[in-house]
Amino acid sequence: QLQLVESGGGLVQPGESLRLSCTVSRSFFSIYTLRWYRQAPGKQRELVASITAGGTTMYTDSVKGRFTISRDNNKRTVYLEMSSLKVDDTAVYYCEMTNSWGQGTQVTVSS
């Protein structure tokens, strides 16, 4: 059974940084596109960033220039480096691969 486990969330002040990690149990990890989503209270889940097997990345407009997605195929892990965090980035962050999801990690940005 495919498992995705996120970590790295927490409470930070505006302008600070966090790095989220998601480790995947699936073999042949390297051939899959990986995605980070987030869901804020009362809002729909939105795609934040993705990275293909070849390393092509995509970001939603609101995080461009602040967030960086990367992957380490040897560790079967995808990362989301978040800098210059804003209050509006507050959400539960989920990683996704082949329509399987992790449990999510809470990111709270507050002064």
PDB file of N, CA and C in Angstrom:
ATOM      1  N   GLN A   1       0.837  -1.181   0.000  1.00  0.00           N
ATOM      2  CA  GLN A   1       0.000   0.000   0.000  1.00  0.00           C
ATOM      3  C   GLN A   1       0.881   1.244   0.000  1.00  0.00           C
ATOM      4  N   LEU A   2       0.554   2.158  -0.907  1.00  0.00           N
ATOM      5  CA  LEU A   2       1.334   3.374  -1.026  1.00  0.00           C
ATOM      6  C   LEU A   2       1.104   4.277   0.181  1.00  0.00           C
ATOM      7  N   GLN A   3       2.190   4.753   0.751  1.00  0.00           N
ATOM      8  CA  GLN A   3       2.093   5.677   1.881  1.00  0.00           C
ATOM      9  C   GLN A   3       2.924   6.924   1.606  1.00  0.00           C
ATOM     10  N   LEU A   4       2.348   8.064   1.957  1.00  0.00           N
ATOM     11  CA  LEU A   4       3.044   9.333   1.868  1.00  0.00           C
ATOM     12  C   LEU A   4       2.987   9.972   3.249  1.00  0.00           C
ATOM     13  N   VAL A   5       4.131  10.401   3.747  1.00  0.00           N
ATOM     14  CA  VAL A   5       4.192  10.965   5.086  1.00  0.00           C
ATOM     15  C   VAL A   5       4.842  12.342   5.021  1.00  0.00           C
ATOM     16  N   GLU A   6       4.033  13.364   5.352  1.00  0.00           N
ATOM     17  CA  GLU A   6       4.529  14.738   5.357  1.00  0.00           C
ATOM     18  C   GLU A   6       5.072  15.099   6.727  1.00  0.00           C
ATOM     19  N   SER A   7       5.991  16.040   6.732  1.00  0.00           N
ATOM     20  CA  SER A   7       6.511  16.581   7.980  1.00  0.00           C
ATOM     21  C   SER A   7       7.053  17.981   7.722  1.00  0.00           C
ATOM     22  N   GLY A   8       7.326  18.710   8.804  1.00  0.00           N
ATOM     23  CA  GLY A   8       7.969  19.996   8.669  1.00  0.00           C
ATOM     24  C   GLY A   8       7.093  21.209   8.901  1.00  0.00           C
ATOM     25  N   GLY A   9       5.810  20.981   9.086  1.00  0.00           N
ATOM     26  CA  GLY A   9       4.936  22.112   9.337  1.00  0.00           C
ATOM     27  C   GLY A   9       5.175  22.724  10.706  1.00  0.00           C
ATOM     28  N   GLY A  10       4.514  23.854  10.946  1.00  0.00           N
ATOM     29  CA  GLY A  10       4.664  24.499  12.239  1.00  0.00           C
ATOM     30  C   GLY A  10       4.087  25.892  12.241  1.00  0.00           C
ATOM     31  N   LEU A  11       4.368  26.602  13.307  1.00  0.00           N
ATOM     32  CA  LEU A  11       3.914  27.978  13.491  1.00  0.00           C
ATOM     33  C   LEU A  11       5.097  28.912  13.299  1.00  0.00           C
ATOM     34  N   VAL A  12       4.968  29.833  12.359  1.00  0.00           N
ATOM     35  CA  VAL A  12       6.023  30.798  12.100  1.00  0.00           C
ATOM     36  C   VAL A  12       5.421  32.186  11.960  1.00  0.00           C
ATOM     37  N   GLN A  13       6.282  33.172  12.022  1.00  0.00           N
ATOM     38  CA  GLN A  13       5.844  34.554  11.838  1.00  0.00           C
ATOM     39  C   GLN A  13       5.937  34.933  10.349  1.00  0.00           C
ATOM     40  N   PRO A  14       5.197  35.929   9.947  1.00  0.00           N
ATOM     41  CA  PRO A  14       5.304  36.402   8.556  1.00  0.00           C
ATOM     42  C   PRO A  14       6.753  36.745   8.210  1.00  0.00           C
ATOM     43  N   GLY A  15       7.151  36.345   7.006  1.00  0.00           N
ATOM     44  CA  GLY A  15       8.506  36.591   6.551  1.00  0.00           C
ATOM     45  C   GLY A  15       9.480  35.470   6.825  1.00  0.00           C
ATOM     46  N   GLU A  16       9.090  34.541   7.670  1.00  0.00           N
ATOM     47  CA  GLU A  16       9.975  33.425   7.999  1.00  0.00           C
ATOM     48  C   GLU A  16       9.854  32.301   6.971  1.00  0.00           C
ATOM     49  N   SER A  17      10.638  31.245   7.207  1.00  0.00           N
ATOM     50  CA  SER A  17      10.716  30.147   6.249  1.00  0.00           C
ATOM     51  C   SER A  17      10.415  28.812   6.922  1.00  0.00           C
ATOM     52  N   LEU A  18       9.998  27.849   6.107  1.00  0.00           N
ATOM     53  CA  LEU A  18       9.799  26.474   6.531  1.00  0.00           C
ATOM     54  C   LEU A  18      10.159  25.560   5.372  1.00  0.00           C
ATOM     55  N   ARG A  19      10.546  24.335   5.700  1.00  0.00           N
ATOM     56  CA  ARG A  19      10.752  23.325   4.677  1.00  0.00           C
ATOM     57  C   ARG A  19       9.887  22.108   4.992  1.00  0.00           C
ATOM     58  N   LEU A  20       9.005  21.791   4.087  1.00  0.00           N
ATOM     59  CA  LEU A  20       8.172  20.604   4.217  1.00  0.00           C
ATOM     60  C   LEU A  20       8.833  19.433   3.485  1.00  0.00           C
ATOM     61  N   SER A  21       8.627  18.254   4.036  1.00  0.00           N
ATOM     62  CA  SER A  21       9.132  17.027   3.421  1.00  0.00           C
ATOM     63  C   SER A  21       7.992  16.030   3.284  1.00  0.00           C
ATOM     64  N   CYS A  22       8.086  15.215   2.269  1.00  0.00           N
ATOM     65  CA  CYS A  22       7.104  14.141   2.073  1.00  0.00           C
ATOM     66  C   CYS A  22       7.866  12.914   1.584  1.00  0.00           C
ATOM     67  N   THR A  23       7.845  11.880   2.383  1.00  0.00           N
ATOM     68  CA  THR A  23       8.534  10.645   2.033  1.00  0.00           C
ATOM     69  C   THR A  23       7.517   9.609   1.570  1.00  0.00           C
ATOM     70  N   VAL A  24       7.852   8.931   0.497  1.00  0.00           N
ATOM     71  CA  VAL A  24       6.916   8.023  -0.176  1.00  0.00           C
ATOM     72  C   VAL A  24       7.433   6.599  -0.112  1.00  0.00           C
ATOM     73  N   SER A  25       6.498   5.670   0.073  1.00  0.00           N
ATOM     74  CA  SER A  25       6.905   4.277   0.213  1.00  0.00           C
ATOM     75  C   SER A  25       7.032   3.542  -1.116  1.00  0.00           C
ATOM     76  N   ARG A  26       6.589   4.167  -2.196  1.00  0.00           N
ATOM     77  CA  ARG A  26       6.492   3.489  -3.497  1.00  0.00           C
ATOM     78  C   ARG A  26       7.846   3.255  -4.152  1.00  0.00           C
ATOM     79  N   SER A  27       8.021   2.060  -4.672  1.00  0.00           N
ATOM     80  CA  SER A  27       9.172   1.793  -5.536  1.00  0.00           C
ATOM     81  C   SER A  27       8.991   2.540  -6.855  1.00  0.00           C
ATOM     82  N   PHE A  28      10.066   2.703  -7.576  1.00  0.00           N
ATOM     83  CA  PHE A  28      10.050   3.442  -8.846  1.00  0.00           C
ATOM     84  C   PHE A  28       9.541   4.865  -8.635  1.00  0.00           C
ATOM     85  N   PHE A  29       9.823   5.402  -7.474  1.00  0.00           N
ATOM     86  CA  PHE A  29       9.433   6.779  -7.114  1.00  0.00           C
ATOM     87  C   PHE A  29       9.837   7.759  -8.200  1.00  0.00           C
ATOM     88  N   SER A  30      10.996   7.535  -8.789  1.00  0.00           N
ATOM     89  CA  SER A  30      11.586   8.532  -9.675  1.00  0.00           C
ATOM     90  C   SER A  30      10.791   8.773 -10.950  1.00  0.00           C
ATOM     91  N   ILE A  31       9.864   7.905 -11.302  1.00  0.00           N
ATOM     92  CA  ILE A  31       9.160   8.071 -12.576  1.00  0.00           C
ATOM     93  C   ILE A  31       7.871   8.882 -12.438  1.00  0.00           C
ATOM     94  N   TYR A  32       7.517   9.242 -11.227  1.00  0.00           N
ATOM     95  CA  TYR A  32       6.231   9.889 -11.002  1.00  0.00           C
ATOM     96  C   TYR A  32       6.336  11.392 -10.795  1.00  0.00           C
ATOM     97  N   THR A  33       5.288  12.087 -11.215  1.00  0.00           N
ATOM     98  CA  THR A  33       5.126  13.499 -10.874  1.00  0.00           C
ATOM     99  C   THR A  33       4.629  13.602  -9.439  1.00  0.00           C
ATOM    100  N   LEU A  34       5.177  14.544  -8.719  1.00  0.00           N
ATOM    101  CA  LEU A  34       4.807  14.760  -7.327  1.00  0.00           C
ATOM    102  C   LEU A  34       4.224  16.160  -7.182  1.00  0.00           C
ATOM    103  N   ARG A  35       3.275  16.283  -6.313  1.00  0.00           N
ATOM    104  CA  ARG A  35       2.577  17.563  -6.153  1.00  0.00           C
ATOM    105  C   ARG A  35       2.384  17.915  -4.673  1.00  0.00           C
ATOM    106  N   TRP A  36       2.415  19.189  -4.413  1.00  0.00           N
ATOM    107  CA  TRP A  36       2.020  19.729  -3.101  1.00  0.00           C
ATOM    108  C   TRP A  36       0.730  20.527  -3.295  1.00  0.00           C
ATOM    109  N   TYR A  37      -0.234  20.244  -2.428  1.00  0.00           N
ATOM    110  CA  TYR A  37      -1.485  20.980  -2.375  1.00  0.00           C
ATOM    111  C   TYR A  37      -1.599  21.618  -0.991  1.00  0.00           C
ATOM    112  N   ARG A  38      -2.528  22.541  -0.877  1.00  0.00           N
ATOM    113  CA  ARG A  38      -2.848  23.091   0.437  1.00  0.00           C
ATOM    114  C   ARG A  38      -4.339  23.380   0.521  1.00  0.00           C
ATOM    115  N   GLN A  39      -4.831  23.337   1.737  1.00  0.00           N
ATOM    116  CA  GLN A  39      -6.236  23.652   1.980  1.00  0.00           C
ATOM    117  C   GLN A  39      -6.343  24.509   3.220  1.00  0.00           C
ATOM    118  N   ALA A  40      -6.813  25.717   3.005  1.00  0.00           N
ATOM    119  CA  ALA A  40      -7.043  26.647   4.103  1.00  0.00           C
ATOM    120  C   ALA A  40      -8.462  26.462   4.622  1.00  0.00           C
ATOM    121  N   PRO A  41      -8.711  26.859   5.866  1.00  0.00           N
ATOM    122  CA  PRO A  41     -10.064  26.708   6.428  1.00  0.00           C
ATOM    123  C   PRO A  41     -11.112  27.390   5.563  1.00  0.00           C
ATOM    124  N   GLY A  42     -12.156  26.656   5.231  1.00  0.00           N
ATOM    125  CA  GLY A  42     -13.243  27.217   4.449  1.00  0.00           C
ATOM    126  C   GLY A  42     -12.969  27.360   2.968  1.00  0.00           C
ATOM    127  N   LYS A  43     -11.827  26.883   2.529  1.00  0.00           N
ATOM    128  CA  LYS A  43     -11.469  27.011   1.112  1.00  0.00           C
ATOM    129  C   LYS A  43     -11.242  25.636   0.488  1.00  0.00           C
ATOM    130  N   GLN A  44     -11.288  25.621  -0.832  1.00  0.00           N
ATOM    131  CA  GLN A  44     -11.019  24.373  -1.551  1.00  0.00           C
ATOM    132  C   GLN A  44      -9.525  24.079  -1.564  1.00  0.00           C
ATOM    133  N   ARG A  45      -9.216  22.808  -1.703  1.00  0.00           N
ATOM    134  CA  ARG A  45      -7.816  22.416  -1.827  1.00  0.00           C
ATOM    135  C   ARG A  45      -7.267  22.970  -3.138  1.00  0.00           C
ATOM    136  N   GLU A  46      -6.072  23.539  -3.105  1.00  0.00           N
ATOM    137  CA  GLU A  46      -5.473  24.091  -4.309  1.00  0.00           C
ATOM    138  C   GLU A  46      -4.082  23.504  -4.530  1.00  0.00           C
ATOM    139  N   LEU A  47      -3.752  23.367  -5.809  1.00  0.00           N
ATOM    140  CA  LEU A  47      -2.426  22.898  -6.186  1.00  0.00           C
ATOM    141  C   LEU A  47      -1.429  24.030  -5.987  1.00  0.00           C
ATOM    142  N   VAL A  48      -0.366  23.745  -5.259  1.00  0.00           N
ATOM    143  CA  VAL A  48       0.637  24.754  -4.965  1.00  0.00           C
ATOM    144  C   VAL A  48       1.834  24.615  -5.904  1.00  0.00           C
ATOM    145  N   ALA A  49       2.326  23.393  -6.058  1.00  0.00           N
ATOM    146  CA  ALA A  49       3.524  23.171  -6.868  1.00  0.00           C
ATOM    147  C   ALA A  49       3.574  21.721  -7.304  1.00  0.00           C
ATOM    148  N   SER A  50       4.275  21.492  -8.407  1.00  0.00           N
ATOM    149  CA  SER A  50       4.476  20.130  -8.890  1.00  0.00           C
ATOM    150  C   SER A  50       5.874  20.008  -9.482  1.00  0.00           C
ATOM    151  N   ILE A  51       6.345  18.752  -9.526  1.00  0.00           N
ATOM    152  CA  ILE A  51       7.644  18.475 -10.136  1.00  0.00           C
ATOM    153  C   ILE A  51       7.537  17.140 -10.859  1.00  0.00           C
ATOM    154  N   THR A  52       7.942  17.146 -12.114  1.00  0.00           N
ATOM    155  CA  THR A  52       7.860  15.929 -12.917  1.00  0.00           C
ATOM    156  C   THR A  52       9.070  15.042 -12.680  1.00  0.00           C
ATOM    157  N   ALA A  53       9.035  13.878 -13.292  1.00  0.00           N
ATOM    158  CA  ALA A  53      10.171  12.966 -13.200  1.00  0.00           C
ATOM    159  C   ALA A  53      11.439  13.603 -13.755  1.00  0.00           C
ATOM    160  N   GLY A  54      11.279  14.436 -14.754  1.00  0.00           N
ATOM    161  CA  GLY A  54      12.431  15.095 -15.365  1.00  0.00           C
ATOM    162  C   GLY A  54      12.873  16.363 -14.667  1.00  0.00           C
ATOM    163  N   GLY A  55      12.132  16.732 -13.615  1.00  0.00           N
ATOM    164  CA  GLY A  55      12.530  17.903 -12.839  1.00  0.00           C
ATOM    165  C   GLY A  55      11.855  19.203 -13.247  1.00  0.00           C
ATOM    166  N   THR A  56      10.905  19.135 -14.166  1.00  0.00           N
ATOM    167  CA  THR A  56      10.167  20.347 -14.533  1.00  0.00           C
ATOM    168  C   THR A  56       9.227  20.733 -13.410  1.00  0.00           C
ATOM    169  N   THR A  57       9.267  21.990 -13.035  1.00  0.00           N
ATOM    170  CA  THR A  57       8.458  22.458 -11.916  1.00  0.00           C
ATOM    171  C   THR A  57       7.380  23.431 -12.374  1.00  0.00           C
ATOM    172  N   MET A  58       6.343  23.498 -11.573  1.00  0.00           N
ATOM    173  CA  MET A  58       5.233  24.419 -11.799  1.00  0.00           C
ATOM    174  C   MET A  58       4.800  24.949 -10.455  1.00  0.00           C
ATOM    175  N   TYR A  59       4.381  26.230 -10.425  1.00  0.00           N
ATOM    176  CA  TYR A  59       3.930  26.859  -9.193  1.00  0.00           C
ATOM    177  C   TYR A  59       2.673  27.659  -9.453  1.00  0.00           C
ATOM    178  N   THR A  60       1.806  27.689  -8.473  1.00  0.00           N
ATOM    179  CA  THR A  60       0.682  28.605  -8.557  1.00  0.00           C
ATOM    180  C   THR A  60       1.210  30.030  -8.401  1.00  0.00           C
ATOM    181  N   ASP A  61       0.520  30.972  -8.992  1.00  0.00           N
ATOM    182  CA  ASP A  61       1.028  32.346  -9.061  1.00  0.00           C
ATOM    183  C   ASP A  61       1.342  32.936  -7.690  1.00  0.00           C
ATOM    184  N   SER A  62       0.543  32.605  -6.703  1.00  0.00           N
ATOM    185  CA  SER A  62       0.685  33.258  -5.399  1.00  0.00           C
ATOM    186  C   SER A  62       1.966  32.857  -4.663  1.00  0.00           C
ATOM    187  N   VAL A  63       2.637  31.792  -5.103  1.00  0.00           N
ATOM    188  CA  VAL A  63       3.853  31.362  -4.404  1.00  0.00           C
ATOM    189  C   VAL A  63       5.102  31.481  -5.264  1.00  0.00           C
ATOM    190  N   LYS A  64       4.947  31.890  -6.490  1.00  0.00           N
ATOM    191  CA  LYS A  64       6.116  32.007  -7.381  1.00  0.00           C
ATOM    192  C   LYS A  64       7.140  32.964  -6.794  1.00  0.00           C
ATOM    193  N   GLY A  65       8.383  32.527  -6.821  1.00  0.00           N
ATOM    194  CA  GLY A  65       9.464  33.331  -6.278  1.00  0.00           C
ATOM    195  C   GLY A  65       9.661  33.166  -4.791  1.00  0.00           C
ATOM    196  N   ARG A  66       8.741  32.482  -4.117  1.00  0.00           N
ATOM    197  CA  ARG A  66       8.861  32.284  -2.663  1.00  0.00           C
ATOM    198  C   ARG A  66       9.000  30.818  -2.291  1.00  0.00           C
ATOM    199  N   PHE A  67       8.372  29.939  -3.059  1.00  0.00           N
ATOM    200  CA  PHE A  67       8.394  28.505  -2.772  1.00  0.00           C
ATOM    201  C   PHE A  67       9.237  27.791  -3.819  1.00  0.00           C
ATOM    202  N   THR A  68       9.891  26.720  -3.387  1.00  0.00           N
ATOM    203  CA  THR A  68      10.674  25.888  -4.299  1.00  0.00           C
ATOM    204  C   THR A  68      10.386  24.414  -4.020  1.00  0.00           C
ATOM    205  N   ILE A  69       9.970  23.707  -5.048  1.00  0.00           N
ATOM    206  CA  ILE A  69       9.750  22.268  -4.924  1.00  0.00           C
ATOM    207  C   ILE A  69      10.973  21.543  -5.470  1.00  0.00           C
ATOM    208  N   SER A  70      11.341  20.469  -4.806  1.00  0.00           N
ATOM    209  CA  SER A  70      12.476  19.674  -5.255  1.00  0.00           C
ATOM    210  C   SER A  70      12.249  18.224  -4.842  1.00  0.00           C
ATOM    211  N   ARG A  71      13.083  17.347  -5.374  1.00  0.00           N
ATOM    212  CA  ARG A  71      12.925  15.935  -5.056  1.00  0.00           C
ATOM    213  C   ARG A  71      14.290  15.282  -4.913  1.00  0.00           C
ATOM    214  N   ASP A  72      14.326  14.273  -4.056  1.00  0.00           N
ATOM    215  CA  ASP A  72      15.515  13.443  -3.896  1.00  0.00           C
ATOM    216  C   ASP A  72      15.066  12.012  -4.145  1.00  0.00           C
ATOM    217  N   ASN A  73      15.346  11.509  -5.321  1.00  0.00           N
ATOM    218  CA  ASN A  73      14.847  10.182  -5.690  1.00  0.00           C
ATOM    219  C   ASN A  73      15.488   9.076  -4.844  1.00  0.00           C
ATOM    220  N   ASN A  74      16.701   9.286  -4.432  1.00  0.00           N
ATOM    221  CA  ASN A  74      17.355   8.267  -3.593  1.00  0.00           C
ATOM    222  C   ASN A  74      16.653   8.127  -2.248  1.00  0.00           C
ATOM    223  N   LYS A  75      16.127   9.225  -1.742  1.00  0.00           N
ATOM    224  CA  LYS A  75      15.435   9.215  -0.452  1.00  0.00           C
ATOM    225  C   LYS A  75      13.924   9.080  -0.612  1.00  0.00           C
ATOM    226  N   ARG A  76      13.448   9.017  -1.878  1.00  0.00           N
ATOM    227  CA  ARG A  76      12.001   8.960  -2.135  1.00  0.00           C
ATOM    228  C   ARG A  76      11.279  10.080  -1.415  1.00  0.00           C
ATOM    229  N   THR A  77      11.826  11.253  -1.507  1.00  0.00           N
ATOM    230  CA  THR A  77      11.297  12.396  -0.764  1.00  0.00           C
ATOM    231  C   THR A  77      11.143  13.595  -1.685  1.00  0.00           C
ATOM    232  N   VAL A  78      10.042  14.300  -1.503  1.00  0.00           N
ATOM    233  CA  VAL A  78       9.813  15.570  -2.177  1.00  0.00           C
ATOM    234  C   VAL A  78       9.765  16.657  -1.120  1.00  0.00           C
ATOM    235  N   TYR A  79      10.313  17.810  -1.462  1.00  0.00           N
ATOM    236  CA  TYR A  79      10.413  18.919  -0.521  1.00  0.00           C
ATOM    237  C   TYR A  79       9.650  20.134  -1.044  1.00  0.00           C
ATOM    238  N   LEU A  80       9.246  20.972  -0.119  1.00  0.00           N
ATOM    239  CA  LEU A  80       8.697  22.269  -0.456  1.00  0.00           C
ATOM    240  C   LEU A  80       9.361  23.287   0.463  1.00  0.00           C
ATOM    241  N   GLU A  81      10.288  24.040  -0.121  1.00  0.00           N
ATOM    242  CA  GLU A  81      10.955  25.112   0.611  1.00  0.00           C
ATOM    243  C   GLU A  81      10.081  26.356   0.504  1.00  0.00           C
ATOM    244  N   MET A  82       9.682  26.906   1.637  1.00  0.00           N
ATOM    245  CA  MET A  82       8.794  28.050   1.657  1.00  0.00           C
ATOM    246  C   MET A  82       9.492  29.204   2.360  1.00  0.00           C
ATOM    247  N   SER A  83       9.610  30.309   1.672  1.00  0.00           N
ATOM    248  CA  SER A  83      10.233  31.486   2.264  1.00  0.00           C
ATOM    249  C   SER A  83       9.297  32.673   2.162  1.00  0.00           C
ATOM    250  N   SER A  84       9.639  33.736   2.860  1.00  0.00           N
ATOM    251  CA  SER A  84       8.810  34.950   2.875  1.00  0.00           C
ATOM    252  C   SER A  84       7.341  34.597   3.098  1.00  0.00           C
ATOM    253  N   LEU A  85       7.111  33.767   4.080  1.00  0.00           N
ATOM    254  CA  LEU A  85       5.754  33.272   4.321  1.00  0.00           C
ATOM    255  C   LEU A  85       4.811  34.398   4.699  1.00  0.00           C
ATOM    256  N   LYS A  86       3.574  34.259   4.254  1.00  0.00           N
ATOM    257  CA  LYS A  86       2.530  35.237   4.507  1.00  0.00           C
ATOM    258  C   LYS A  86       1.402  34.583   5.299  1.00  0.00           C
ATOM    259  N   VAL A  87       0.612  35.404   5.924  1.00  0.00           N
ATOM    260  CA  VAL A  87      -0.540  34.893   6.665  1.00  0.00           C
ATOM    261  C   VAL A  87      -1.432  34.051   5.749  1.00  0.00           C
ATOM    262  N   ASP A  88      -1.553  34.473   4.509  1.00  0.00           N
ATOM    263  CA  ASP A  88      -2.400  33.753   3.542  1.00  0.00           C
ATOM    264  C   ASP A  88      -1.858  32.372   3.169  1.00  0.00           C
ATOM    265  N   ASP A  89      -0.628  32.066   3.568  1.00  0.00           N
ATOM    266  CA  ASP A  89      -0.084  30.727   3.312  1.00  0.00           C
ATOM    267  C   ASP A  89      -0.537  29.715   4.360  1.00  0.00           C
ATOM    268  N   THR A  90      -1.219  30.183   5.379  1.00  0.00           N
ATOM    269  CA  THR A  90      -1.718  29.294   6.426  1.00  0.00           C
ATOM    270  C   THR A  90      -2.680  28.266   5.835  1.00  0.00           C
ATOM    271  N   ALA A  91      -2.381  26.993   6.064  1.00  0.00           N
ATOM    272  CA  ALA A  91      -3.183  25.914   5.495  1.00  0.00           C
ATOM    273  C   ALA A  91      -2.614  24.578   5.955  1.00  0.00           C
ATOM    274  N   VAL A  92      -3.362  23.527   5.674  1.00  0.00           N
ATOM    275  CA  VAL A  92      -2.816  22.184   5.773  1.00  0.00           C
ATOM    276  C   VAL A  92      -2.214  21.846   4.415  1.00  0.00           C
ATOM    277  N   TYR A  93      -0.990  21.406   4.409  1.00  0.00           N
ATOM    278  CA  TYR A  93      -0.276  21.095   3.174  1.00  0.00           C
ATOM    279  C   TYR A  93      -0.212  19.573   2.997  1.00  0.00           C
ATOM    280  N   TYR A  94      -0.536  19.148   1.785  1.00  0.00           N
ATOM    281  CA  TYR A  94      -0.567  17.730   1.456  1.00  0.00           C
ATOM    282  C   TYR A  94       0.342  17.441   0.263  1.00  0.00           C
ATOM    283  N   CYS A  95       0.981  16.294   0.288  1.00  0.00           N
ATOM    284  CA  CYS A  95       1.662  15.846  -0.922  1.00  0.00           C
ATOM    285  C   CYS A  95       0.819  14.766  -1.587  1.00  0.00           C
ATOM    286  N   GLU A  96       0.989  14.651  -2.880  1.00  0.00           N
ATOM    287  CA  GLU A  96       0.174  13.727  -3.672  1.00  0.00           C
ATOM    288  C   GLU A  96       1.017  13.081  -4.747  1.00  0.00           C
ATOM    289  N   MET A  97       0.782  11.796  -4.944  1.00  0.00           N
ATOM    290  CA  MET A  97       1.416  11.057  -6.025  1.00  0.00           C
ATOM    291  C   MET A  97       0.443   9.977  -6.483  1.00  0.00           C
ATOM    292  N   THR A  98       0.204   9.912  -7.747  1.00  0.00           N
ATOM    293  CA  THR A  98      -0.726   8.938  -8.352  1.00  0.00           C
ATOM    294  C   THR A  98      -2.046   8.875  -7.597  1.00  0.00           C
ATOM    295  N   ASN A  99      -2.577  10.032  -7.260  1.00  0.00           N
ATOM    296  CA  ASN A  99      -3.869  10.165  -6.576  1.00  0.00           C
ATOM    297  C   ASN A  99      -3.879   9.553  -5.174  1.00  0.00           C
ATOM    298  N   SER A 100      -2.729   9.336  -4.623  1.00  0.00           N
ATOM    299  CA  SER A 100      -2.613   8.960  -3.220  1.00  0.00           C
ATOM    300  C   SER A 100      -2.107  10.168  -2.434  1.00  0.00           C
ATOM    301  N   TRP A 101      -2.585  10.286  -1.210  1.00  0.00           N
ATOM    302  CA  TRP A 101      -2.337  11.498  -0.427  1.00  0.00           C
ATOM    303  C   TRP A 101      -1.738  11.162   0.927  1.00  0.00           C
ATOM    304  N   GLY A 102      -0.949  12.113   1.429  1.00  0.00           N
ATOM    305  CA  GLY A 102      -0.498  12.015   2.797  1.00  0.00           C
ATOM    306  C   GLY A 102      -1.561  12.539   3.751  1.00  0.00           C
ATOM    307  N   GLN A 103      -1.213  12.548   5.028  1.00  0.00           N
ATOM    308  CA  GLN A 103      -2.172  12.981   6.053  1.00  0.00           C
ATOM    309  C   GLN A 103      -2.200  14.485   6.214  1.00  0.00           C
ATOM    310  N   GLY A 104      -1.219  15.150   5.666  1.00  0.00           N
ATOM    311  CA  GLY A 104      -1.157  16.601   5.743  1.00  0.00           C
ATOM    312  C   GLY A 104      -0.312  17.087   6.905  1.00  0.00           C
ATOM    313  N   THR A 105       0.220  18.289   6.744  1.00  0.00           N
ATOM    314  CA  THR A 105       0.977  18.940   7.808  1.00  0.00           C
ATOM    315  C   THR A 105       0.532  20.391   7.893  1.00  0.00           C
ATOM    316  N   GLN A 106       0.281  20.843   9.099  1.00  0.00           N
ATOM    317  CA  GLN A 106      -0.269  22.188   9.314  1.00  0.00           C
ATOM    318  C   GLN A 106       0.838  23.235   9.251  1.00  0.00           C
ATOM    319  N   VAL A 107       0.596  24.259   8.466  1.00  0.00           N
ATOM    320  CA  VAL A 107       1.460  25.437   8.426  1.00  0.00           C
ATOM    321  C   VAL A 107       0.623  26.623   8.867  1.00  0.00           C
ATOM    322  N   THR A 108       1.076  27.300   9.910  1.00  0.00           N
ATOM    323  CA  THR A 108       0.384  28.473  10.419  1.00  0.00           C
ATOM    324  C   THR A 108       1.346  29.645  10.419  1.00  0.00           C
ATOM    325  N   VAL A 109       0.946  30.701   9.743  1.00  0.00           N
ATOM    326  CA  VAL A 109       1.762  31.919   9.683  1.00  0.00           C
ATOM    327  C   VAL A 109       0.996  33.012  10.418  1.00  0.00           C
ATOM    328  N   SER A 110       1.561  33.452  11.508  1.00  0.00           N
ATOM    329  CA  SER A 110       0.853  34.411  12.346  1.00  0.00           C
ATOM    330  C   SER A 110       1.852  35.217  13.157  1.00  0.00           C
ATOM    331  N   SER A 111       1.511  36.482  13.359  1.00  0.00           N
ATOM    332  CA  SER A 111       2.338  37.335  14.198  1.00  0.00           C
ATOM    333  C   SER A 111       1.842  37.317  15.641  1.00  0.00           C
TER     334      SER A 111
END
